[in-house]
C-alpha atoms as a PDB file:
ATOM      1  CA  MET A   1       2.757   5.108 -26.304  1.00  0.00           C
ATOM      2  CA  LEU A   2       1.051   5.715 -29.639  1.00  0.00           C
ATOM      3  CA  SER A   3       1.693   3.787 -32.822  1.00  0.00           C
ATOM      4  CA  ARG A   4       0.967   4.150 -36.486  1.00  0.00           C
ATOM      5  CA  GLY A   5      -1.606   1.975 -38.172  1.00  0.00           C
ATOM      6  CA  GLY A   6      -4.991   3.186 -36.878  1.00  0.00           C
ATOM      7  CA  ALA A   7      -7.571   4.611 -39.224  1.00  0.00           C
ATOM      8  CA  GLY A   8      -6.804   8.242 -39.957  1.00  0.00           C
ATOM      9  CA  SER A   9      -3.070   7.896 -39.241  1.00  0.00           C
ATOM     10  CA  ALA A  10      -2.049   9.570 -42.499  1.00  0.00           C
ATOM     11  CA  GLN A  11       1.164  11.558 -42.596  1.00  0.00           C
ATOM     12  CA  ALA A  12      -0.570  14.864 -41.880  1.00  0.00           C
ATOM     13  CA  PHE A  13      -2.223  13.344 -38.798  1.00  0.00           C
ATOM     14  CA  TRP A  14       0.948  11.947 -37.259  1.00  0.00           C
ATOM     15  CA  PRO A  15       2.052  15.272 -35.633  1.00  0.00           C
ATOM     16  CA  ILE A  16      -1.311  15.406 -33.804  1.00  0.00           C
ATOM     17  CA  LEU A  17      -0.719  11.934 -32.393  1.00  0.00           C
ATOM     18  CA  GLN A  18       2.781  12.935 -31.340  1.00  0.00           C
ATOM     19  CA  THR A  19       1.451  16.014 -29.531  1.00  0.00           C
ATOM     20  CA  ILE A  20      -1.167  13.921 -27.732  1.00  0.00           C
ATOM     21  CA  ASP A  21       1.498  11.366 -26.840  1.00  0.00           C
ATOM     22  CA  SER A  22       3.732  14.109 -25.417  1.00  0.00           C
ATOM     23  CA  ALA A  23       0.832  15.451 -23.322  1.00  0.00           C
ATOM     24  CA  LEU A  24       0.114  11.996 -21.933  1.00  0.00           C
ATOM     25  CA  ARG A  25       3.773  11.408 -21.094  1.00  0.00           C
ATOM     26  CA  ALA A  26       3.804  14.765 -19.284  1.00  0.00           C
ATOM     27  CA  GLY A  27       0.725  13.773 -17.270  1.00  0.00           C
ATOM     28  CA  ASP A  28      -1.431  16.398 -18.973  1.00  0.00           C
ATOM     29  CA  ARG A  29      -4.465  14.243 -19.716  1.00  0.00           C
ATOM     30  CA  ALA A  30      -6.759  17.272 -20.014  1.00  0.00           C
ATOM     31  CA  THR A  31      -4.798  18.604 -22.992  1.00  0.00           C
ATOM     32  CA  ALA A  32      -4.522  15.147 -24.531  1.00  0.00           C
ATOM     33  CA  THR A  33      -8.268  14.642 -24.209  1.00  0.00           C
ATOM     34  CA  ARG A  34      -9.083  18.057 -25.654  1.00  0.00           C
ATOM     35  CA  LEU A  35      -6.828  17.454 -28.645  1.00  0.00           C
ATOM     36  CA  SER A  36      -8.318  13.994 -29.125  1.00  0.00           C
ATOM     37  CA  CYS A  37     -11.866  15.336 -29.183  1.00  0.00           C
ATOM     38  CA  GLU A  38     -10.849  18.051 -31.653  1.00  0.00           C
ATOM     39  CA  ALA A  39      -9.150  15.495 -33.904  1.00  0.00           C
ATOM     40  CA  LEU A  40     -12.188  13.227 -33.864  1.00  0.00           C
ATOM     41  CA  ASP A  41     -14.461  16.179 -34.663  1.00  0.00           C
ATOM     42  CA  ALA A  42     -12.159  16.922 -37.615  1.00  0.00           C
ATOM     43  CA  GLY A  43     -12.741  13.423 -38.970  1.00  0.00           C
ATOM     44  CA  HIS A  44      -9.613  11.636 -37.767  1.00  0.00           C
ATOM     45  CA  VAL A  45      -9.978   8.202 -36.168  1.00  0.00           C
ATOM     46  CA  HIS A  46      -7.507   6.408 -33.926  1.00  0.00           C
ATOM     47  CA  PRO A  47      -8.071   4.081 -30.962  1.00  0.00           C
ATOM     48  CA  VAL A  48      -6.256   6.373 -28.523  1.00  0.00           C
ATOM     49  CA  LEU A  49      -8.426   9.330 -29.523  1.00  0.00           C
ATOM     50  CA  LEU A  50     -11.564   7.264 -29.022  1.00  0.00           C
ATOM     51  CA  HIS A  51     -10.273   5.940 -25.707  1.00  0.00           C
ATOM     52  CA  LEU A  52      -9.597   9.402 -24.304  1.00  0.00           C
ATOM     53  CA  ARG A  53     -12.949  10.730 -25.473  1.00  0.00           C
ATOM     54  CA  ALA A  54     -14.676   7.710 -23.929  1.00  0.00           C
ATOM     55  CA  ILE A  55     -13.073   8.448 -20.566  1.00  0.00           C
ATOM     56  CA  ARG A  56     -14.337  12.034 -20.721  1.00  0.00           C
ATOM     57  CA  LYS A  57     -17.844  10.852 -21.649  1.00  0.00           C
ATOM     58  CA  LYS A  58     -17.860   8.362 -18.788  1.00  0.00           C
ATOM     59  CA  GLN A  59     -16.807  11.084 -16.344  1.00  0.00           C
ATOM     60  CA  ASN A  60     -19.735  13.166 -17.620  1.00  0.00           C
ATOM     61  CA  GLY A  61     -22.203  10.333 -17.011  1.00  0.00           C
ATOM     62  CA  LEU A  62     -22.503   9.289 -20.665  1.00  0.00           C
ATOM     63  CA  ALA A  63     -21.740   5.594 -20.067  1.00  0.00           C
ATOM     64  CA  GLU A  64     -23.527   4.234 -23.119  1.00  0.00           C
ATOM     65  CA  SER A  65     -21.934   6.747 -25.497  1.00  0.00           C
ATOM     66  CA  ALA A  66     -18.544   6.050 -23.908  1.00  0.00           C
ATOM     67  CA  PHE A  67     -18.989   2.340 -24.532  1.00  0.00           C
ATOM     68  CA  ALA A  68     -19.807   3.078 -28.174  1.00  0.00           C
ATOM     69  CA  ASP A  69     -16.451   4.853 -28.529  1.00  0.00           C
ATOM     70  CA  ILE A  70     -14.653   1.929 -26.890  1.00  0.00           C
ATOM     71  CA  GLN A  71     -16.481  -0.509 -29.157  1.00  0.00           C
ATOM     72  CA  ARG A  72     -15.320   1.472 -32.197  1.00  0.00           C
ATOM     73  CA  ALA A  73     -11.758   1.599 -30.883  1.00  0.00           C
ATOM     74  CA  LEU A  74     -11.741  -2.154 -30.315  1.00  0.00           C
ATOM     75  CA  GLN A  75     -12.742  -2.720 -33.918  1.00  0.00           C
ATOM     76  CA  ILE A  76      -9.454  -1.019 -34.847  1.00  0.00           C
ATOM     77  CA  ALA A  77      -7.293  -2.484 -32.059  1.00  0.00           C
ATOM     78  CA  PRO A  78      -9.038  -5.647 -30.759  1.00  0.00           C
ATOM     79  CA  GLN A  79      -5.977  -6.825 -28.834  1.00  0.00           C
ATOM     80  CA  SER A  80      -5.460  -3.630 -26.820  1.00  0.00           C
ATOM     81  CA  PRO A  81      -5.519  -4.494 -23.102  1.00  0.00           C
ATOM     82  CA  ASP A  82      -6.122  -0.818 -22.267  1.00  0.00           C
ATOM     83  CA  LEU A  83      -9.276  -0.761 -24.396  1.00  0.00           C
ATOM     84  CA  LEU A  84     -10.491  -4.115 -23.091  1.00  0.00           C
ATOM     85  CA  ALA A  85     -10.013  -2.926 -19.508  1.00  0.00           C
ATOM     86  CA  GLU A  86     -11.852   0.304 -20.311  1.00  0.00           C
ATOM     87  CA  ALA A  87     -14.706  -1.694 -21.849  1.00  0.00           C
ATOM     88  CA  ALA A  88     -14.857  -3.778 -18.675  1.00  0.00           C
ATOM     89  CA  ASP A  89     -15.133  -0.575 -16.659  1.00  0.00           C
ATOM     90  CA  SER A  90     -18.005   0.645 -18.840  1.00  0.00           C
ATOM     91  CA  LEU A  91     -19.837  -2.645 -18.351  1.00  0.00           C
ATOM     92  CA  ASN A  92     -19.264  -2.441 -14.593  1.00  0.00           C
ATOM     93  CA  ALA A  93     -20.864   1.011 -14.660  1.00  0.00           C
ATOM     94  CA  ALA A  94     -23.852  -0.519 -16.449  1.00  0.00           C
ATOM     95  CA  GLY A  95     -24.146  -3.350 -13.917  1.00  0.00           C
ATOM     96  CA  GLU A  96     -23.021  -5.947 -16.469  1.00  0.00           C
ATOM     97  CA  TYR A  97     -20.565  -7.544 -14.070  1.00  0.00           C
ATOM     98  CA  GLN A  98     -20.218 -10.978 -15.641  1.00  0.00           C
ATOM     99  CA  ARG A  99     -19.502  -9.469 -19.049  1.00  0.00           C
ATOM    100  CA  ALA A 100     -17.040  -7.108 -17.396  1.00  0.00           C
ATOM    101  CA  VAL A 101     -15.149 -10.124 -16.053  1.00  0.00           C
ATOM    102  CA  VAL A 102     -15.004 -11.580 -19.577  1.00  0.00           C
ATOM    103  CA  LEU A 103     -13.393  -8.437 -20.967  1.00  0.00           C
ATOM    104  CA  ALA A 104     -11.038  -7.979 -18.005  1.00  0.00           C
ATOM    105  CA  ASP A 105      -9.915 -11.586 -18.439  1.00  0.00           C
ATOM    106  CA  ALA A 106      -9.369 -10.936 -22.152  1.00  0.00           C
ATOM    107  CA  ALA A 107      -7.134  -7.967 -21.263  1.00  0.00           C
ATOM    108  CA  LEU A 108      -5.207 -10.064 -18.765  1.00  0.00           C
ATOM    109  CA  ALA A 109      -4.718 -12.852 -21.287  1.00  0.00           C
ATOM    110  CA  ILE A 110      -2.777 -10.297 -23.333  1.00  0.00           C
ATOM    111  CA  ASP A 111      -1.076  -8.464 -20.445  1.00  0.00           C
ATOM    112  CA  PRO A 112      -1.140 -10.347 -17.113  1.00  0.00           C
ATOM    113  CA  ARG A 113       0.413  -7.323 -15.364  1.00  0.00           C
ATOM    114  CA  HIS A 114      -2.328  -4.871 -16.374  1.00  0.00           C
ATOM    115  CA  ALA A 115      -3.286  -3.292 -13.042  1.00  0.00           C
ATOM    116  CA  ASP A 116      -6.469  -1.594 -14.300  1.00  0.00           C
ATOM    117  CA  ALA A 117      -7.751  -4.868 -15.742  1.00  0.00           C
ATOM    118  CA  TRP A 118      -7.172  -6.602 -12.410  1.00  0.00           C
ATOM    119  CA  HIS A 119      -8.906  -3.705 -10.644  1.00  0.00           C
ATOM    120  CA  ARG A 120     -11.968  -3.852 -12.901  1.00  0.00           C
ATOM    121  CA  LYS A 121     -12.116  -7.621 -12.603  1.00  0.00           C
ATOM    122  CA  GLY A 122     -11.985  -7.274  -8.825  1.00  0.00           C
ATOM    123  CA  TYR A 123     -14.745  -4.683  -8.844  1.00  0.00           C
ATOM    124  CA  ALA A 124     -17.013  -6.942 -10.891  1.00  0.00           C
ATOM    125  CA  HIS A 125     -16.414  -9.889  -8.561  1.00  0.00           C
ATOM    126  CA  HIS A 126     -16.969  -7.635  -5.538  1.00  0.00           C
ATOM    127  CA  MET A 127     -20.325  -6.474  -6.874  1.00  0.00           C
ATOM    128  CA  ARG A 128     -21.286 -10.124  -7.436  1.00  0.00           C
ATOM    129  CA  THR A 129     -20.208 -10.890  -3.824  1.00  0.00           C
ATOM    130  CA  GLU A 130     -17.596 -13.328  -5.164  1.00  0.00           C
ATOM    131  CA  LEU A 131     -15.283 -12.189  -2.416  1.00  0.00           C
ATOM    132  CA  GLU A 132     -12.453 -14.688  -2.787  1.00  0.00           C
ATOM    133  CA  SER A 133     -12.077 -13.822  -6.462  1.00  0.00           C
ATOM    134  CA  ALA A 134     -12.423 -10.115  -5.677  1.00  0.00           C
ATOM    135  CA  VAL A 135      -9.642 -10.220  -3.077  1.00  0.00           C
ATOM    136  CA  ALA A 136      -7.346 -12.128  -5.433  1.00  0.00           C
ATOM    137  CA  ALA A 137      -7.933  -9.614  -8.218  1.00  0.00           C
ATOM    138  CA  PHE A 138      -7.546  -6.530  -6.021  1.00  0.00           C
ATOM    139  CA  CYS A 139      -4.309  -7.927  -4.570  1.00  0.00           C
ATOM    140  CA  GLN A 140      -2.950  -8.319  -8.077  1.00  0.00           C
ATOM    141  CA  ALA A 141      -4.105  -4.790  -8.927  1.00  0.00           C
ATOM    142  CA  VAL A 142      -2.172  -3.210  -6.050  1.00  0.00           C
ATOM    143  CA  ARG A 143       0.795  -5.483  -6.716  1.00  0.00           C
ATOM    144  CA  PHE A 144       1.187  -4.002 -10.179  1.00  0.00           C
ATOM    145  CA  ASP A 145       0.062  -0.482  -9.231  1.00  0.00           C
ATOM    146  CA  PRO A 146       0.341   0.288  -5.503  1.00  0.00           C
ATOM    147  CA  ARG A 147      -1.297   3.704  -6.112  1.00  0.00           C
ATOM    148  CA  LEU A 148      -4.761   2.255  -6.825  1.00  0.00           C
ATOM    149  CA  ALA A 149      -6.541   3.696  -3.791  1.00  0.00           C
ATOM    150  CA  ASP A 150      -9.907   2.161  -4.670  1.00  0.00           C
ATOM    151  CA  ALA A 151      -8.434  -1.356  -4.758  1.00  0.00           C
ATOM    152  CA  HIS A 152      -6.867  -0.883  -1.304  1.00  0.00           C
ATOM    153  CA  ALA A 153     -10.162   0.557  -0.029  1.00  0.00           C
ATOM    154  CA  ARG A 154     -12.205  -2.370  -1.337  1.00  0.00           C
ATOM    155  CA  LEU A 155      -9.782  -4.822   0.234  1.00  0.00           C
ATOM    156  CA  ALA A 156     -10.376  -2.924   3.491  1.00  0.00           C
ATOM    157  CA  ASN A 157     -14.136  -3.128   2.977  1.00  0.00           C
ATOM    158  CA  ILE A 158     -14.032  -6.888   2.422  1.00  0.00           C
ATOM    159  CA  ALA A 159     -11.702  -7.461   5.374  1.00  0.00           C
ATOM    160  CA  ALA A 160     -13.976  -5.414   7.665  1.00  0.00           C
ATOM    161  CA  GLY A 161     -17.003  -7.398   6.538  1.00  0.00           C
ATOM    162  CA  GLN A 162     -15.188 -10.634   7.362  1.00  0.00           C
ATOM    163  CA  GLY A 163     -14.155  -9.369  10.789  1.00  0.00           C
ATOM    164  CA  ASN A 164     -10.450  -9.101   9.915  1.00  0.00           C
ATOM    165  CA  LEU A 165     -10.090  -5.766  11.645  1.00  0.00           C
ATOM    166  CA  SER A 166      -6.306  -5.503  11.528  1.00  0.00           C
ATOM    167  CA  ASP A 167      -6.293  -6.106   7.773  1.00  0.00           C
ATOM    168  CA  ALA A 168      -9.188  -3.689   7.342  1.00  0.00           C
ATOM    169  CA  ARG A 169      -7.294  -0.901   9.079  1.00  0.00           C
ATOM    170  CA  SER A 170      -4.083  -1.703   7.225  1.00  0.00           C
ATOM    171  CA  PHE A 171      -5.675  -1.642   3.768  1.00  0.00           C
ATOM    172  CA  ALA A 172      -7.703   1.452   4.674  1.00  0.00           C
ATOM    173  CA  ALA A 173      -4.563   3.273   5.824  1.00  0.00           C
ATOM    174  CA  ARG A 174      -2.912   2.565   2.467  1.00  0.00           C
ATOM    175  CA  ALA A 175      -5.943   3.848   0.594  1.00  0.00           C
ATOM    176  CA  LEU A 176      -6.196   6.989   2.715  1.00  0.00           C
ATOM    177  CA  ALA A 177      -2.483   7.728   2.332  1.00  0.00           C
ATOM    178  CA  ILE A 178      -3.126   7.946  -1.411  1.00  0.00           C
ATOM    179  CA  GLU A 179      -6.615   9.458  -1.327  1.00  0.00           C
ATOM    180  CA  PRO A 180      -7.340  11.054   2.081  1.00  0.00           C
ATOM    181  CA  ASN A 181     -11.087  11.388   1.464  1.00  0.00           C
ATOM    182  CA  ASN A 182     -11.705   7.864   0.154  1.00  0.00           C
ATOM    183  CA  SER A 183     -15.148   7.134   1.608  1.00  0.00           C
ATOM    184  CA  ILE A 184     -14.960   3.359   1.195  1.00  0.00           C
ATOM    185  CA  ALA A 185     -11.761   3.275   3.253  1.00  0.00           C
ATOM    186  CA  VAL A 186     -13.263   5.581   5.888  1.00  0.00           C
ATOM    187  CA  LEU A 187     -16.347   3.367   6.232  1.00  0.00           C
ATOM    188  CA  ALA A 188     -14.138   0.289   6.591  1.00  0.00           C
ATOM    189  CA  CYS A 189     -12.437   2.058   9.508  1.00  0.00           C
ATOM    190  CA  VAL A 190     -15.871   2.867  10.952  1.00  0.00           C
ATOM    191  CA  ALA A 191     -16.788  -0.820  10.800  1.00  0.00           C
ATOM    192  CA  ALA A 192     -13.608  -1.640  12.707  1.00  0.00           C
ATOM    193  CA  ASP A 193     -14.337   1.140  15.222  1.00  0.00           C
ATOM    194  CA  LEU A 194     -17.825  -0.246  15.822  1.00  0.00           C
ATOM    195  CA  ALA A 195     -16.499  -3.772  16.329  1.00  0.00           C
ATOM    196  CA  GLU A 196     -13.979  -2.452  18.864  1.00  0.00           C
ATOM    197  CA  GLU A 197     -16.562  -0.136  20.507  1.00  0.00           C
ATOM    198  CA  ARG A 198     -14.660   3.014  19.597  1.00  0.00           C
ATOM    199  CA  LEU A 199     -17.909   4.868  19.183  1.00  0.00           C
ATOM    200  CA  GLU A 200     -16.696   8.453  19.331  1.00  0.00           C
ATOM    201  CA  GLU A 201     -14.028   7.705  16.758  1.00  0.00           C
ATOM    202  CA  ALA A 202     -16.650   6.069  14.552  1.00  0.00           C
ATOM    203  CA  ARG A 203     -18.940   9.068  14.908  1.00  0.00           C
ATOM    204  CA  ARG A 204     -16.116  11.465  14.013  1.00  0.00           C
ATOM    205  CA  ARG A 205     -15.299   9.526  10.858  1.00  0.00           C
ATOM    206  CA  LEU A 206     -18.955   9.331   9.842  1.00  0.00           C
ATOM    207  CA  ASP A 207     -19.322  13.084  10.200  1.00  0.00           C
ATOM    208  CA  THR A 208     -16.624  13.570   7.547  1.00  0.00           C
ATOM    209  CA  VAL A 209     -18.492  11.330   5.095  1.00  0.00           C
ATOM    210  CA  LEU A 210     -21.998  12.627   5.780  1.00  0.00           C
ATOM    211  CA  SER A 211     -20.874  16.258   5.553  1.00  0.00           C
ATOM    212  CA  ASP A 212     -19.365  15.687   2.114  1.00  0.00           C
ATOM    213  CA  PRO A 213     -21.812  17.033  -0.504  1.00  0.00           C
ATOM    214  CA  ALA A 214     -20.099  14.908  -3.156  1.00  0.00           C
ATOM    215  CA  ALA A 215     -20.813  11.612  -1.362  1.00  0.00           C
ATOM    216  CA  LEU A 216     -22.754   9.318  -3.675  1.00  0.00           C
ATOM    217  CA  PRO A 217     -26.124   7.917  -2.505  1.00  0.00           C
ATOM    218  CA  PRO A 218     -24.811   4.368  -1.803  1.00  0.00           C
ATOM    219  CA  ILE A 219     -21.970   5.786   0.303  1.00  0.00           C
ATOM    220  CA  ARG A 220     -24.336   8.156   2.117  1.00  0.00           C
ATOM    221  CA  ALA A 221     -26.780   5.298   2.755  1.00  0.00           C
ATOM    222  CA  ALA A 222     -24.042   3.044   4.156  1.00  0.00           C
ATOM    223  CA  ALA A 223     -22.729   5.858   6.366  1.00  0.00           C
ATOM    224  CA  THR A 224     -26.226   6.669   7.615  1.00  0.00           C
ATOM    225  CA  SER A 225     -26.807   3.025   8.487  1.00  0.00           C
ATOM    226  CA  GLN A 226     -23.523   2.939  10.392  1.00  0.00           C
ATOM    227  CA  ALA A 227     -24.584   6.120  12.202  1.00  0.00           C
ATOM    228  CA  GLY A 228     -27.632   4.137  13.262  1.00  0.00           C
ATOM    229  CA  ASP A 229     -25.327   1.422  14.607  1.00  0.00           C
ATOM    230  CA  VAL A 230     -23.475   4.042  16.658  1.00  0.00           C
ATOM    231  CA  CYS A 231     -26.721   5.398  18.089  1.00  0.00           C
ATOM    232  CA  ASP A 232     -27.910   1.875  18.869  1.00  0.00           C
ATOM    233  CA  ALA A 233     -24.674   1.094  20.699  1.00  0.00           C
ATOM    234  CA  LEU A 234     -25.105   4.308  22.721  1.00  0.00           C
ATOM    235  CA  GLY A 235     -28.669   3.339  23.655  1.00  0.00           C
ATOM    236  CA  LEU A 236     -30.196   6.102  21.529  1.00  0.00           C
ATOM    237  CA  THR A 237     -33.016   3.961  20.184  1.00  0.00           C
ATOM    238  CA  ASP A 238     -35.102   6.685  18.531  1.00  0.00           C
ATOM    239  CA  GLU A 239     -32.081   8.196  16.801  1.00  0.00           C
ATOM    240  CA  ALA A 240     -30.975   4.760  15.632  1.00  0.00           C
ATOM    241  CA  PHE A 241     -34.420   4.025  14.191  1.00  0.00           C
ATOM    242  CA  ASP A 242     -34.463   7.373  12.363  1.00  0.00           C
ATOM    243  CA  ALA A 243     -31.016   6.698  10.905  1.00  0.00           C
ATOM    244  CA  TYR A 244     -31.969   3.224   9.694  1.00  0.00           C
ATOM    245  CA  ARG A 245     -35.157   4.575   8.139  1.00  0.00           C
ATOM    246  CA  SER A 246     -33.223   7.344   6.372  1.00  0.00           C
ATOM    247  CA  ALA A 247     -30.669   4.833   5.108  1.00  0.00           C
ATOM    248  CA  GLY A 248     -33.449   2.648   3.739  1.00  0.00           C
ATOM    249  CA  GLU A 249     -34.994   5.614   1.939  1.00  0.00           C
ATOM    250  CA  LEU A 250     -31.636   6.509   0.410  1.00  0.00           C
ATOM    251  CA  TRP A 251     -31.143   2.964  -0.860  1.00  0.00           C
ATOM    252  CA  LYS A 252     -34.660   2.849  -2.249  1.00  0.00           C
ATOM    253  CA  SER A 253     -34.405   6.229  -3.992  1.00  0.00           C
ATOM    254  CA  TYR A 254     -31.108   5.207  -5.582  1.00  0.00           C
ATOM    255  CA  TYR A 255     -31.929   1.674  -6.705  1.00  0.00           C
ATOM    256  CA  ALA A 256     -35.669   1.797  -7.462  1.00  0.00           C
ATOM    257  CA  PRO A 257     -35.324   3.994 -10.594  1.00  0.00           C
ATOM    258  CA  GLN A 258     -32.707   1.569 -11.939  1.00  0.00           C
ATOM    259  CA  VAL A 259     -34.969  -1.479 -11.733  1.00  0.00           C
ATOM    260  CA  ARG A 260     -36.524  -2.256 -15.100  1.00  0.00           C
ATOM    261  CA  LYS A 261     -40.147  -3.302 -14.911  1.00  0.00           C
ATOM    262  CA  SER A 262     -40.107  -5.461 -18.024  1.00  0.00           C
ATOM    263  CA  GLY A 263     -38.321  -6.169 -21.266  1.00  0.00           C
ATOM    264  CA  PRO A 264     -34.708  -7.024 -22.016  1.00  0.00           C
ATOM    265  CA  ASP A 265     -31.722  -5.074 -20.769  1.00  0.00           C
ATOM    266  CA  PRO A 266     -30.984  -2.563 -23.567  1.00  0.00           C
ATOM    267  CA  ILE A 267     -27.259  -2.595 -22.903  1.00  0.00           C
ATOM    268  CA  ALA A 268     -27.186  -6.392 -23.004  1.00  0.00           C
ATOM    269  CA  VAL A 269     -29.172  -6.361 -26.255  1.00  0.00           C
ATOM    270  CA  ARG A 270     -26.977  -3.738 -27.878  1.00  0.00           C
ATOM    271  CA  TYR A 271     -23.561  -4.828 -26.651  1.00  0.00           C
ATOM    272  CA  GLY A 272     -24.034  -8.525 -25.914  1.00  0.00           C
ATOM    273  CA  PRO A 273     -23.006  -9.609 -29.442  1.00  0.00           C
ATOM    274  CA  VAL A 274     -19.907  -7.395 -29.246  1.00  0.00           C
ATOM    275  CA  VAL A 275     -18.827  -8.935 -25.955  1.00  0.00           C
ATOM    276  CA  ALA A 276     -19.529 -12.440 -27.243  1.00  0.00           C
ATOM    277  CA  ALA A 277     -17.466 -11.749 -30.357  1.00  0.00           C
ATOM    278  CA  LEU A 278     -14.570 -10.452 -28.265  1.00  0.00           C
ATOM    279  CA  GLN A 279     -14.765 -13.503 -26.037  1.00  0.00           C
ATOM    280  CA  ALA A 280     -14.617 -15.773 -29.081  1.00  0.00           C
ATOM    281  CA  LEU A 281     -11.753 -13.754 -30.542  1.00  0.00           C
ATOM    282  CA  HIS A 282      -9.627 -14.045 -27.434  1.00  0.00           C
ATOM    283  CA  ARG A 283     -10.467 -17.718 -26.974  1.00  0.00           C
ATOM    284  CA  GLY A 284      -9.064 -18.200 -30.455  1.00  0.00           C
ATOM    285  CA  LEU A 285      -5.948 -16.179 -29.674  1.00  0.00           C
ATOM    286  CA  SER A 286      -5.225 -18.276 -26.591  1.00  0.00           C
ATOM    287  CA  GLN A 287      -5.416 -21.604 -28.434  1.00  0.00           C
END
């Protein structure tokens, strides 16, 4: 899983890499990440260490700092599909969906069976409402890693939006078998329930999402809007109006702070040349 050759891979450092490798093989990512952070703090540098620290930073909401670690790792290992896929994920988090597709495609040019790269490519296409490309990518993601609950859930979401209710329920069931509280899958089921006028079932599902304190604002807004649809179908006009108004306020409070009034996108300015260089590099490798 780890290899010699990265900066800082001197003989004294090799046992640390072996310990981290053993932790990863045992599924103990927490220990591997802790050891990686300690090694980096001690002055050692290796792409795997940077990758693991970047994942921790991203989980803690430090997307820009995480991308900086991935950028540094890619300078050491520019043909790593894992790092390219991780960079694509960071750009997705920053809303840089087209650039995320570039990096996911670069990863897939190296490893066409890389499930995470397909997943991140699908996510970027989904956010750009390029649904045909999103479905193709998500299907490849679950082909190579059937345990990717989010990919199944997003396939369910797309199918529900297109009125393919049987597919929506099927994909949602697969997602929920892996991740029972997957909100995207639950909301896809709610959409199918609404279309089939199973209003009580829809209301029950929505209660599980809306009562979850960890539900993110976009999920809560979508669920609240669907609750409005349930009320509307039941003839509860005032309740439906209140739900739609609340959903609109949730969307506004989430997206308005992220809209830049003027000036260039700082992430595009800072990382655009890096992405362009990687694109050129992998164009050259494919020729």
